[in-house]
Amino acid sequence: MKKLIKTILKYNRKPVKKEDPLYIIGNNKHHNSLVDTLIPQLVEIGDNFISAPGSIILAHDASLFSHSGKYRCQKTVIGNNVFVGANAVILPGVNIGDGAIIGAGAVVSKDVASMVVVAGNPAKFICTVNEYLKKCELKGILYEPPKAFFKVNKGEKISKIDISEFQKKILNNFFKTDEK
């Protein structure tokens, strides 16, 4: 809470630079989420956060505004090492535990435990992260990326050359597998 108050006070005292987020986010982030634009100060995101395009993280809800003239505002907290899939929506007041995976298109309206996979609308428990990892290993669909991909952990971008190398590796393996 002290960190949140410091952030709010910081931005109330000086002009905000375009690159300064109004929400709290840890280190090593690689995200494409739209973070609440009305009250982003109530969003807190941990370290090593990854999210896909179209995902939304909210801290407010205006559904009762026309009825009551009031907004519902709640703190939304996302733990460390969390992945949020494409077009997933995290609703106000939700707490997502460390290591959770949120499936594409999920609508998360309730807290999510650590190290679980949730998906659907509304989001529901699918399996643990370890169970999901084992399923993917058994299917042979996990590929080790080039070392250059770990630049993301240092806040650097992955180059087009790095991406191209990864694509070649995957496609070569994929077409070799299909020919059998």
N, C-alpha and C. Protein backbone atom coordinates (compact mmCIF):
# COMPACT_ATOMS: atom_id res chain seq x y z
N MET A 1 0.82 -1.19 0.00
CA MET A 1 0.00 0.00 0.00
C MET A 1 0.86 1.26 0.00
N LYS A 2 1.99 1.22 0.74
CA LYS A 2 2.88 2.38 0.78
C LYS A 2 3.42 2.68 -0.60
N LYS A 3 3.75 1.60 -1.36
CA LYS A 3 4.27 1.77 -2.72
C LYS A 3 3.22 2.45 -3.60
N LEU A 4 1.96 2.05 -3.45
CA LEU A 4 0.87 2.63 -4.22
C LEU A 4 0.70 4.12 -3.89
N ILE A 5 0.71 4.44 -2.61
CA ILE A 5 0.55 5.84 -2.19
C ILE A 5 1.70 6.69 -2.72
N LYS A 6 2.94 6.17 -2.64
CA LYS A 6 4.09 6.90 -3.17
C LYS A 6 3.93 7.17 -4.65
N THR A 7 3.44 6.16 -5.39
CA THR A 7 3.24 6.33 -6.83
C THR A 7 2.21 7.40 -7.11
N ILE A 8 1.09 7.36 -6.40
CA ILE A 8 0.04 8.35 -6.60
C ILE A 8 0.57 9.75 -6.29
N LEU A 9 1.24 9.89 -5.16
CA LEU A 9 1.78 11.19 -4.78
C LEU A 9 2.82 11.68 -5.78
N LYS A 10 3.66 10.77 -6.27
CA LYS A 10 4.70 11.13 -7.24
C LYS A 10 4.06 11.79 -8.47
N TYR A 11 2.99 11.20 -8.98
CA TYR A 11 2.38 11.72 -10.19
C TYR A 11 1.47 12.92 -9.92
N ASN A 12 1.07 13.11 -8.69
CA ASN A 12 0.28 14.30 -8.36
C ASN A 12 1.17 15.52 -8.13
N ARG A 13 2.47 15.31 -7.94
CA ARG A 13 3.40 16.41 -7.67
C ARG A 13 4.12 16.92 -8.90
N LYS A 14 4.31 16.08 -9.89
CA LYS A 14 5.08 16.51 -11.06
C LYS A 14 4.40 16.04 -12.33
N PRO A 15 4.71 16.68 -13.45
CA PRO A 15 4.11 16.24 -14.72
C PRO A 15 4.55 14.81 -15.05
N VAL A 16 3.66 14.07 -15.60
CA VAL A 16 3.94 12.69 -15.95
C VAL A 16 4.58 12.66 -17.34
N LYS A 17 5.71 11.96 -17.45
CA LYS A 17 6.32 11.74 -18.75
C LYS A 17 5.51 10.67 -19.45
N LYS A 18 5.42 10.78 -20.76
CA LYS A 18 4.63 9.83 -21.52
C LYS A 18 5.04 8.38 -21.24
N GLU A 19 6.34 8.13 -21.05
CA GLU A 19 6.80 6.76 -20.84
C GLU A 19 6.61 6.26 -19.41
N ASP A 20 6.25 7.11 -18.46
CA ASP A 20 6.04 6.69 -17.08
C ASP A 20 4.65 6.09 -16.91
N PRO A 21 4.57 4.82 -16.53
CA PRO A 21 3.23 4.26 -16.28
C PRO A 21 2.68 4.79 -14.96
N LEU A 22 1.39 4.93 -14.88
CA LEU A 22 0.75 5.36 -13.64
C LEU A 22 0.44 4.18 -12.74
N TYR A 23 0.67 2.99 -13.22
CA TYR A 23 0.44 1.80 -12.43
C TYR A 23 1.79 1.25 -11.97
N ILE A 24 1.76 0.38 -10.99
CA ILE A 24 2.99 -0.22 -10.47
C ILE A 24 3.26 -1.50 -11.25
N ILE A 25 4.49 -1.63 -11.76
CA ILE A 25 4.87 -2.86 -12.46
C ILE A 25 6.30 -3.19 -12.11
N GLY A 26 6.56 -4.47 -11.91
CA GLY A 26 7.89 -4.93 -11.52
C GLY A 26 8.88 -4.91 -12.66
N ASN A 27 9.98 -5.59 -12.47
CA ASN A 27 11.04 -5.68 -13.47
C ASN A 27 10.71 -6.73 -14.52
N ASN A 28 11.45 -6.67 -15.61
CA ASN A 28 11.36 -7.69 -16.66
C ASN A 28 9.95 -7.88 -17.17
N LYS A 29 9.39 -6.82 -17.69
CA LYS A 29 8.03 -6.92 -18.20
C LYS A 29 8.06 -6.92 -19.73
N HIS A 30 7.20 -7.68 -20.30
CA HIS A 30 7.04 -7.74 -21.75
C HIS A 30 5.54 -7.88 -21.98
N HIS A 31 4.88 -6.74 -21.99
CA HIS A 31 3.43 -6.87 -22.07
C HIS A 31 2.82 -5.95 -23.10
N ASN A 32 1.66 -6.41 -23.56
CA ASN A 32 0.88 -5.71 -24.57
C ASN A 32 -0.51 -5.39 -24.04
N SER A 33 -0.67 -5.34 -22.73
CA SER A 33 -1.97 -5.11 -22.12
C SER A 33 -2.35 -3.64 -22.12
N LEU A 34 -3.62 -3.40 -22.23
CA LEU A 34 -4.17 -2.07 -21.97
C LEU A 34 -4.46 -2.06 -20.47
N VAL A 35 -3.82 -1.16 -19.77
CA VAL A 35 -4.04 -1.05 -18.33
C VAL A 35 -5.03 0.08 -18.08
N ASP A 36 -5.98 -0.14 -17.20
CA ASP A 36 -7.04 0.81 -16.86
C ASP A 36 -6.60 2.25 -17.09
N THR A 37 -7.36 2.98 -17.89
CA THR A 37 -7.00 4.36 -18.20
C THR A 37 -7.63 5.37 -17.26
N LEU A 38 -8.64 4.98 -16.48
CA LEU A 38 -9.27 5.92 -15.55
C LEU A 38 -8.54 5.98 -14.22
N ILE A 39 -8.22 4.83 -13.64
CA ILE A 39 -7.58 4.79 -12.33
C ILE A 39 -6.46 3.73 -12.35
N PRO A 40 -5.44 3.93 -13.20
CA PRO A 40 -4.36 2.95 -13.31
C PRO A 40 -3.55 2.80 -12.02
N GLN A 41 -3.64 3.78 -11.14
CA GLN A 41 -2.90 3.73 -9.88
C GLN A 41 -3.33 2.56 -8.99
N LEU A 42 -4.50 1.97 -9.28
CA LEU A 42 -4.97 0.84 -8.50
C LEU A 42 -4.60 -0.51 -9.12
N VAL A 43 -3.69 -0.48 -10.11
CA VAL A 43 -3.22 -1.71 -10.73
C VAL A 43 -1.78 -1.94 -10.29
N GLU A 44 -1.51 -3.15 -9.81
CA GLU A 44 -0.16 -3.51 -9.40
C GLU A 44 0.21 -4.83 -10.07
N ILE A 45 1.34 -4.81 -10.78
CA ILE A 45 1.79 -5.97 -11.54
C ILE A 45 3.19 -6.34 -11.07
N GLY A 46 3.44 -7.62 -10.85
CA GLY A 46 4.73 -8.09 -10.35
C GLY A 46 5.79 -8.21 -11.43
N ASP A 47 6.89 -8.86 -11.06
CA ASP A 47 8.03 -9.07 -11.94
C ASP A 47 7.73 -10.14 -13.00
N ASN A 48 8.48 -10.06 -14.09
CA ASN A 48 8.44 -11.07 -15.16
C ASN A 48 7.03 -11.28 -15.71
N PHE A 49 6.34 -10.19 -15.95
CA PHE A 49 4.98 -10.22 -16.48
C PHE A 49 5.02 -10.26 -18.00
N ILE A 50 4.26 -11.18 -18.57
CA ILE A 50 4.14 -11.27 -20.02
C ILE A 50 2.66 -11.31 -20.36
N SER A 51 2.26 -10.49 -21.35
CA SER A 51 0.87 -10.55 -21.80
C SER A 51 0.80 -10.37 -23.30
N ALA A 52 -0.20 -10.98 -23.89
CA ALA A 52 -0.41 -10.95 -25.33
C ALA A 52 -1.28 -9.75 -25.72
N PRO A 53 -1.27 -9.40 -27.01
CA PRO A 53 -2.07 -8.26 -27.48
C PRO A 53 -3.55 -8.42 -27.19
N GLY A 54 -4.19 -7.30 -26.95
CA GLY A 54 -5.64 -7.28 -26.73
C GLY A 54 -6.06 -7.52 -25.29
N SER A 55 -5.12 -7.89 -24.43
CA SER A 55 -5.49 -8.13 -23.04
C SER A 55 -5.73 -6.82 -22.32
N ILE A 56 -6.62 -6.85 -21.34
CA ILE A 56 -7.04 -5.64 -20.63
C ILE A 56 -7.01 -5.92 -19.13
N ILE A 57 -6.48 -4.95 -18.38
CA ILE A 57 -6.43 -5.06 -16.92
C ILE A 57 -7.18 -3.86 -16.36
N LEU A 58 -8.25 -4.10 -15.63
CA LEU A 58 -9.11 -3.02 -15.13
C LEU A 58 -9.06 -2.87 -13.62
N ALA A 59 -9.28 -1.65 -13.17
CA ALA A 59 -9.41 -1.36 -11.74
C ALA A 59 -10.71 -0.59 -11.48
N HIS A 60 -11.46 -0.31 -12.54
CA HIS A 60 -12.74 0.38 -12.35
C HIS A 60 -13.82 -0.27 -13.20
N ASP A 61 -15.05 0.02 -12.82
CA ASP A 61 -16.23 -0.50 -13.51
C ASP A 61 -17.26 0.62 -13.49
N ALA A 62 -17.71 1.03 -14.66
CA ALA A 62 -18.67 2.13 -14.75
C ALA A 62 -20.11 1.64 -14.94
N SER A 63 -20.35 0.35 -14.72
CA SER A 63 -21.67 -0.22 -15.00
C SER A 63 -22.79 0.41 -14.17
N LEU A 64 -22.49 0.92 -12.99
CA LEU A 64 -23.52 1.52 -12.14
C LEU A 64 -23.57 3.04 -12.23
N PHE A 65 -22.72 3.61 -13.08
CA PHE A 65 -22.65 5.07 -13.14
C PHE A 65 -23.99 5.71 -13.51
N SER A 66 -24.67 5.18 -14.53
CA SER A 66 -25.95 5.78 -14.94
C SER A 66 -27.05 5.55 -13.91
N HIS A 67 -26.86 4.59 -13.01
CA HIS A 67 -27.85 4.31 -11.97
C HIS A 67 -27.58 5.06 -10.67
N SER A 68 -26.31 5.24 -10.37
CA SER A 68 -25.98 5.81 -9.06
C SER A 68 -25.08 7.05 -9.14
N GLY A 69 -24.52 7.31 -10.32
CA GLY A 69 -23.58 8.42 -10.44
C GLY A 69 -22.22 8.08 -9.82
N LYS A 70 -21.97 6.79 -9.60
CA LYS A 70 -20.73 6.37 -8.95
C LYS A 70 -20.03 5.28 -9.75
N TYR A 71 -18.72 5.21 -9.58
CA TYR A 71 -17.89 4.17 -10.18
C TYR A 71 -17.48 3.17 -9.12
N ARG A 72 -17.41 1.92 -9.51
CA ARG A 72 -16.83 0.88 -8.64
C ARG A 72 -15.33 0.87 -8.94
N CYS A 73 -14.51 1.06 -7.91
CA CYS A 73 -13.05 1.05 -8.07
C CYS A 73 -12.45 0.11 -7.04
N GLN A 74 -11.60 -0.82 -7.51
CA GLN A 74 -10.96 -1.78 -6.63
C GLN A 74 -9.54 -2.02 -7.12
N LYS A 75 -8.65 -2.34 -6.18
CA LYS A 75 -7.27 -2.63 -6.52
C LYS A 75 -7.19 -3.99 -7.22
N THR A 76 -6.45 -4.04 -8.31
CA THR A 76 -6.23 -5.27 -9.06
C THR A 76 -4.75 -5.60 -8.95
N VAL A 77 -4.43 -6.83 -8.50
CA VAL A 77 -3.05 -7.21 -8.25
C VAL A 77 -2.70 -8.46 -9.05
N ILE A 78 -1.61 -8.37 -9.80
CA ILE A 78 -1.11 -9.50 -10.58
C ILE A 78 0.27 -9.84 -10.04
N GLY A 79 0.47 -11.10 -9.68
CA GLY A 79 1.73 -11.54 -9.07
C GLY A 79 2.90 -11.62 -10.03
N ASN A 80 3.96 -12.23 -9.58
CA ASN A 80 5.18 -12.42 -10.37
C ASN A 80 5.03 -13.61 -11.32
N ASN A 81 5.72 -13.53 -12.46
CA ASN A 81 5.79 -14.64 -13.43
C ASN A 81 4.43 -15.05 -13.96
N VAL A 82 3.58 -14.06 -14.19
CA VAL A 82 2.23 -14.32 -14.69
C VAL A 82 2.19 -14.09 -16.20
N PHE A 83 1.44 -14.95 -16.90
CA PHE A 83 1.18 -14.77 -18.33
C PHE A 83 -0.31 -14.55 -18.52
N VAL A 84 -0.66 -13.53 -19.34
CA VAL A 84 -2.05 -13.24 -19.67
C VAL A 84 -2.19 -13.36 -21.18
N GLY A 85 -3.07 -14.24 -21.64
CA GLY A 85 -3.26 -14.52 -23.06
C GLY A 85 -3.98 -13.41 -23.81
N ALA A 86 -3.96 -13.53 -25.13
CA ALA A 86 -4.57 -12.55 -26.02
C ALA A 86 -6.05 -12.34 -25.69
N ASN A 87 -6.45 -11.09 -25.65
CA ASN A 87 -7.84 -10.68 -25.45
C ASN A 87 -8.45 -11.11 -24.12
N ALA A 88 -7.62 -11.49 -23.16
CA ALA A 88 -8.13 -11.79 -21.83
C ALA A 88 -8.46 -10.48 -21.12
N VAL A 89 -9.43 -10.52 -20.23
CA VAL A 89 -9.83 -9.34 -19.47
C VAL A 89 -9.74 -9.67 -17.98
N ILE A 90 -8.99 -8.85 -17.26
CA ILE A 90 -8.87 -8.99 -15.81
C ILE A 90 -9.75 -7.90 -15.21
N LEU A 91 -10.78 -8.29 -14.50
CA LEU A 91 -11.74 -7.33 -13.95
C LEU A 91 -11.25 -6.71 -12.64
N PRO A 92 -11.85 -5.59 -12.23
CA PRO A 92 -11.43 -4.89 -11.01
C PRO A 92 -11.51 -5.78 -9.77
N GLY A 93 -10.53 -5.61 -8.90
CA GLY A 93 -10.55 -6.29 -7.62
C GLY A 93 -10.00 -7.70 -7.63
N VAL A 94 -9.54 -8.17 -8.78
CA VAL A 94 -9.02 -9.53 -8.90
C VAL A 94 -7.57 -9.58 -8.45
N ASN A 95 -7.21 -10.65 -7.78
CA ASN A 95 -5.82 -10.94 -7.40
C ASN A 95 -5.40 -12.20 -8.13
N ILE A 96 -4.30 -12.11 -8.88
CA ILE A 96 -3.78 -13.26 -9.61
C ILE A 96 -2.47 -13.67 -8.96
N GLY A 97 -2.40 -14.93 -8.56
CA GLY A 97 -1.23 -15.45 -7.85
C GLY A 97 -0.02 -15.63 -8.74
N ASP A 98 1.15 -15.76 -8.12
CA ASP A 98 2.41 -15.94 -8.82
C ASP A 98 2.36 -17.16 -9.73
N GLY A 99 2.93 -17.01 -10.92
CA GLY A 99 3.08 -18.13 -11.84
C GLY A 99 1.82 -18.57 -12.55
N ALA A 100 0.72 -17.86 -12.40
CA ALA A 100 -0.53 -18.25 -13.04
C ALA A 100 -0.48 -18.00 -14.55
N ILE A 101 -1.26 -18.77 -15.28
CA ILE A 101 -1.42 -18.59 -16.72
C ILE A 101 -2.90 -18.34 -16.98
N ILE A 102 -3.17 -17.22 -17.65
CA ILE A 102 -4.55 -16.84 -17.99
C ILE A 102 -4.73 -17.10 -19.48
N GLY A 103 -5.64 -17.97 -19.85
CA GLY A 103 -5.84 -18.34 -21.25
C GLY A 103 -6.39 -17.21 -22.10
N ALA A 104 -6.15 -17.31 -23.40
CA ALA A 104 -6.64 -16.32 -24.35
C ALA A 104 -8.16 -16.20 -24.25
N GLY A 105 -8.64 -14.96 -24.25
CA GLY A 105 -10.08 -14.70 -24.22
C GLY A 105 -10.74 -14.89 -22.88
N ALA A 106 -9.99 -15.24 -21.86
CA ALA A 106 -10.58 -15.45 -20.53
C ALA A 106 -11.11 -14.14 -19.97
N VAL A 107 -12.18 -14.24 -19.22
CA VAL A 107 -12.70 -13.11 -18.47
C VAL A 107 -12.55 -13.48 -17.00
N VAL A 108 -11.58 -12.83 -16.34
CA VAL A 108 -11.23 -13.19 -14.97
C VAL A 108 -11.98 -12.28 -14.01
N SER A 109 -12.96 -12.85 -13.33
CA SER A 109 -13.80 -12.08 -12.42
C SER A 109 -13.57 -12.44 -10.96
N LYS A 110 -12.77 -13.50 -10.74
CA LYS A 110 -12.48 -13.96 -9.37
C LYS A 110 -10.99 -14.18 -9.22
N ASP A 111 -10.52 -14.21 -8.00
CA ASP A 111 -9.10 -14.42 -7.73
C ASP A 111 -8.62 -15.73 -8.34
N VAL A 112 -7.34 -15.73 -8.74
CA VAL A 112 -6.71 -16.90 -9.35
C VAL A 112 -5.55 -17.31 -8.45
N ALA A 113 -5.50 -18.56 -8.09
CA ALA A 113 -4.43 -19.08 -7.23
C ALA A 113 -3.09 -19.10 -7.97
N SER A 114 -2.02 -19.22 -7.23
CA SER A 114 -0.69 -19.33 -7.82
C SER A 114 -0.55 -20.66 -8.57
N MET A 115 0.24 -20.62 -9.65
CA MET A 115 0.64 -21.82 -10.40
C MET A 115 -0.52 -22.64 -10.95
N VAL A 116 -1.57 -21.95 -11.42
CA VAL A 116 -2.68 -22.64 -12.07
C VAL A 116 -2.95 -22.01 -13.43
N VAL A 117 -3.65 -22.77 -14.27
CA VAL A 117 -4.08 -22.29 -15.57
C VAL A 117 -5.58 -22.10 -15.50
N VAL A 118 -6.06 -20.92 -15.90
CA VAL A 118 -7.50 -20.67 -15.99
C VAL A 118 -7.82 -20.21 -17.40
N ALA A 119 -9.04 -20.49 -17.85
CA ALA A 119 -9.48 -20.07 -19.18
C ALA A 119 -10.99 -20.04 -19.20
N GLY A 120 -11.54 -19.38 -20.21
CA GLY A 120 -12.99 -19.35 -20.41
C GLY A 120 -13.63 -18.06 -19.95
N ASN A 121 -14.96 -18.01 -20.16
CA ASN A 121 -15.75 -16.85 -19.78
C ASN A 121 -17.01 -17.35 -19.07
N PRO A 122 -17.03 -17.24 -17.74
CA PRO A 122 -15.99 -16.71 -16.85
C PRO A 122 -14.82 -17.69 -16.73
N ALA A 123 -13.66 -17.16 -16.38
CA ALA A 123 -12.46 -17.99 -16.26
C ALA A 123 -12.65 -19.06 -15.19
N LYS A 124 -12.26 -20.26 -15.53
CA LYS A 124 -12.36 -21.39 -14.59
C LYS A 124 -11.03 -22.14 -14.58
N PHE A 125 -10.79 -22.84 -13.48
CA PHE A 125 -9.60 -23.66 -13.32
C PHE A 125 -9.57 -24.72 -14.41
N ILE A 126 -8.41 -24.85 -15.08
CA ILE A 126 -8.22 -25.88 -16.10
C ILE A 126 -7.31 -26.97 -15.57
N CYS A 127 -6.15 -26.56 -15.05
CA CYS A 127 -5.18 -27.51 -14.49
C CYS A 127 -4.08 -26.71 -13.79
N THR A 128 -3.15 -27.41 -13.19
CA THR A 128 -2.01 -26.70 -12.62
C THR A 128 -1.02 -26.39 -13.74
N VAL A 129 -0.11 -25.48 -13.49
CA VAL A 129 0.91 -25.16 -14.48
C VAL A 129 1.78 -26.39 -14.76
N ASN A 130 2.11 -27.15 -13.73
CA ASN A 130 2.91 -28.37 -13.92
C ASN A 130 2.19 -29.40 -14.79
N GLU A 131 0.90 -29.55 -14.61
CA GLU A 131 0.13 -30.48 -15.45
C GLU A 131 0.12 -30.00 -16.90
N TYR A 132 -0.03 -28.71 -17.10
CA TYR A 132 -0.03 -28.14 -18.44
C TYR A 132 1.33 -28.34 -19.11
N LEU A 133 2.39 -28.11 -18.36
CA LEU A 133 3.74 -28.30 -18.87
C LEU A 133 3.95 -29.75 -19.31
N LYS A 134 3.51 -30.70 -18.50
CA LYS A 134 3.64 -32.13 -18.85
C LYS A 134 2.85 -32.46 -20.12
N LYS A 135 1.62 -31.93 -20.24
CA LYS A 135 0.81 -32.17 -21.44
C LYS A 135 1.53 -31.69 -22.69
N CYS A 136 2.11 -30.49 -22.60
CA CYS A 136 2.82 -29.92 -23.76
C CYS A 136 4.07 -30.72 -24.08
N GLU A 137 4.79 -31.18 -23.05
CA GLU A 137 5.98 -32.01 -23.27
C GLU A 137 5.61 -33.32 -23.96
N LEU A 138 4.53 -33.96 -23.50
CA LEU A 138 4.08 -35.22 -24.11
C LEU A 138 3.69 -35.04 -25.58
N LYS A 139 3.13 -33.90 -25.91
CA LYS A 139 2.75 -33.62 -27.29
C LYS A 139 3.95 -33.21 -28.14
N GLY A 140 5.08 -32.93 -27.51
CA GLY A 140 6.28 -32.52 -28.24
C GLY A 140 6.16 -31.15 -28.88
N ILE A 141 5.46 -30.23 -28.20
CA ILE A 141 5.22 -28.91 -28.79
C ILE A 141 5.97 -27.78 -28.08
N LEU A 142 6.96 -28.13 -27.27
CA LEU A 142 7.75 -27.12 -26.59
C LEU A 142 9.10 -26.98 -27.30
N TYR A 143 9.49 -25.74 -27.58
CA TYR A 143 10.74 -25.47 -28.29
C TYR A 143 11.56 -24.46 -27.51
N GLU A 144 12.84 -24.73 -27.39
CA GLU A 144 13.74 -23.81 -26.71
C GLU A 144 14.09 -22.66 -27.64
N PRO A 145 13.87 -21.42 -27.21
CA PRO A 145 14.19 -20.27 -28.06
C PRO A 145 15.70 -19.98 -28.06
N PRO A 146 16.16 -19.17 -29.00
CA PRO A 146 17.56 -18.76 -28.99
C PRO A 146 17.86 -17.98 -27.70
N LYS A 147 19.10 -18.00 -27.29
CA LYS A 147 19.51 -17.29 -26.07
C LYS A 147 19.15 -15.81 -26.16
N ALA A 148 19.13 -15.27 -27.37
CA ALA A 148 18.81 -13.85 -27.57
C ALA A 148 17.41 -13.49 -27.05
N PHE A 149 16.50 -14.47 -26.98
CA PHE A 149 15.15 -14.19 -26.49
C PHE A 149 15.15 -13.77 -25.03
N PHE A 150 16.19 -14.13 -24.32
CA PHE A 150 16.24 -13.78 -22.90
C PHE A 150 16.64 -12.32 -22.68
N LYS A 151 16.82 -11.57 -23.78
CA LYS A 151 17.03 -10.12 -23.70
C LYS A 151 15.83 -9.46 -23.03
N VAL A 152 14.67 -10.07 -23.22
CA VAL A 152 13.43 -9.54 -22.64
C VAL A 152 13.58 -9.39 -21.13
N ASN A 153 14.28 -10.33 -20.50
CA ASN A 153 14.48 -10.27 -19.05
C ASN A 153 15.31 -9.07 -18.62
N LYS A 154 16.00 -8.46 -19.56
CA LYS A 154 16.80 -7.27 -19.27
C LYS A 154 16.11 -6.01 -19.77
N GLY A 155 14.86 -6.16 -20.20
CA GLY A 155 14.10 -5.01 -20.69
C GLY A 155 14.44 -4.65 -22.12
N GLU A 156 15.15 -5.51 -22.84
CA GLU A 156 15.52 -5.24 -24.23
C GLU A 156 14.54 -5.93 -25.17
N LYS A 157 14.51 -5.44 -26.40
CA LYS A 157 13.61 -6.02 -27.40
C LYS A 157 14.33 -7.15 -28.15
N ILE A 158 13.54 -8.08 -28.63
CA ILE A 158 14.06 -9.17 -29.45
C ILE A 158 14.11 -8.67 -30.89
N SER A 159 15.23 -8.90 -31.56
CA SER A 159 15.38 -8.40 -32.94
C SER A 159 14.62 -9.27 -33.93
N LYS A 160 14.40 -8.71 -35.12
CA LYS A 160 13.74 -9.47 -36.18
C LYS A 160 14.60 -10.66 -36.60
N ILE A 161 15.90 -10.51 -36.53
CA ILE A 161 16.80 -11.61 -36.87
C ILE A 161 16.63 -12.76 -35.88
N ASP A 162 16.54 -12.41 -34.57
CA ASP A 162 16.32 -13.44 -33.53
C ASP A 162 15.01 -14.18 -33.78
N ILE A 163 13.99 -13.43 -34.11
CA ILE A 163 12.67 -14.03 -34.36
C ILE A 163 12.73 -14.94 -35.59
N SER A 164 13.40 -14.47 -36.64
CA SER A 164 13.54 -15.25 -37.87
C SER A 164 14.26 -16.57 -37.61
N GLU A 165 15.33 -16.53 -36.79
CA GLU A 165 16.06 -17.76 -36.45
C GLU A 165 15.14 -18.76 -35.73
N PHE A 166 14.35 -18.25 -34.81
CA PHE A 166 13.43 -19.11 -34.06
C PHE A 166 12.39 -19.72 -35.00
N GLN A 167 11.85 -18.90 -35.90
CA GLN A 167 10.86 -19.40 -36.85
C GLN A 167 11.44 -20.50 -37.73
N LYS A 168 12.67 -20.30 -38.22
CA LYS A 168 13.31 -21.33 -39.06
C LYS A 168 13.46 -22.63 -38.29
N LYS A 169 13.90 -22.55 -37.04
CA LYS A 169 14.09 -23.74 -36.21
C LYS A 169 12.76 -24.50 -36.06
N ILE A 170 11.71 -23.77 -35.74
CA ILE A 170 10.40 -24.39 -35.53
C ILE A 170 9.87 -25.00 -36.83
N LEU A 171 9.92 -24.22 -37.90
CA LEU A 171 9.37 -24.69 -39.17
C LEU A 171 10.14 -25.89 -39.72
N ASN A 172 11.46 -25.86 -39.57
CA ASN A 172 12.26 -27.02 -40.00
C ASN A 172 11.86 -28.26 -39.23
N ASN A 173 11.71 -28.13 -37.94
CA ASN A 173 11.30 -29.25 -37.10
C ASN A 173 9.87 -29.69 -37.43
N PHE A 174 9.00 -28.74 -37.63
CA PHE A 174 7.59 -29.03 -37.91
C PHE A 174 7.45 -29.81 -39.21
N PHE A 175 8.11 -29.34 -40.26
CA PHE A 175 7.97 -30.02 -41.55
C PHE A 175 8.68 -31.36 -41.58
N LYS A 176 9.74 -31.52 -40.82
CA LYS A 176 10.40 -32.83 -40.69
C LYS A 176 9.45 -33.81 -40.03
N THR A 177 8.73 -33.34 -39.00
CA THR A 177 7.78 -34.18 -38.27
C THR A 177 6.62 -34.59 -39.18
N ASP A 178 6.12 -33.64 -39.99
CA ASP A 178 4.98 -33.92 -40.87
C ASP A 178 5.31 -34.92 -41.98
N GLU A 179 6.58 -34.97 -42.42
CA GLU A 179 6.98 -35.85 -43.50
C GLU A 179 7.02 -37.31 -43.09
N LYS A 180 7.07 -37.60 -41.80
CA LYS A 180 7.18 -38.98 -41.32
C LYS A 180 5.93 -39.77 -41.53
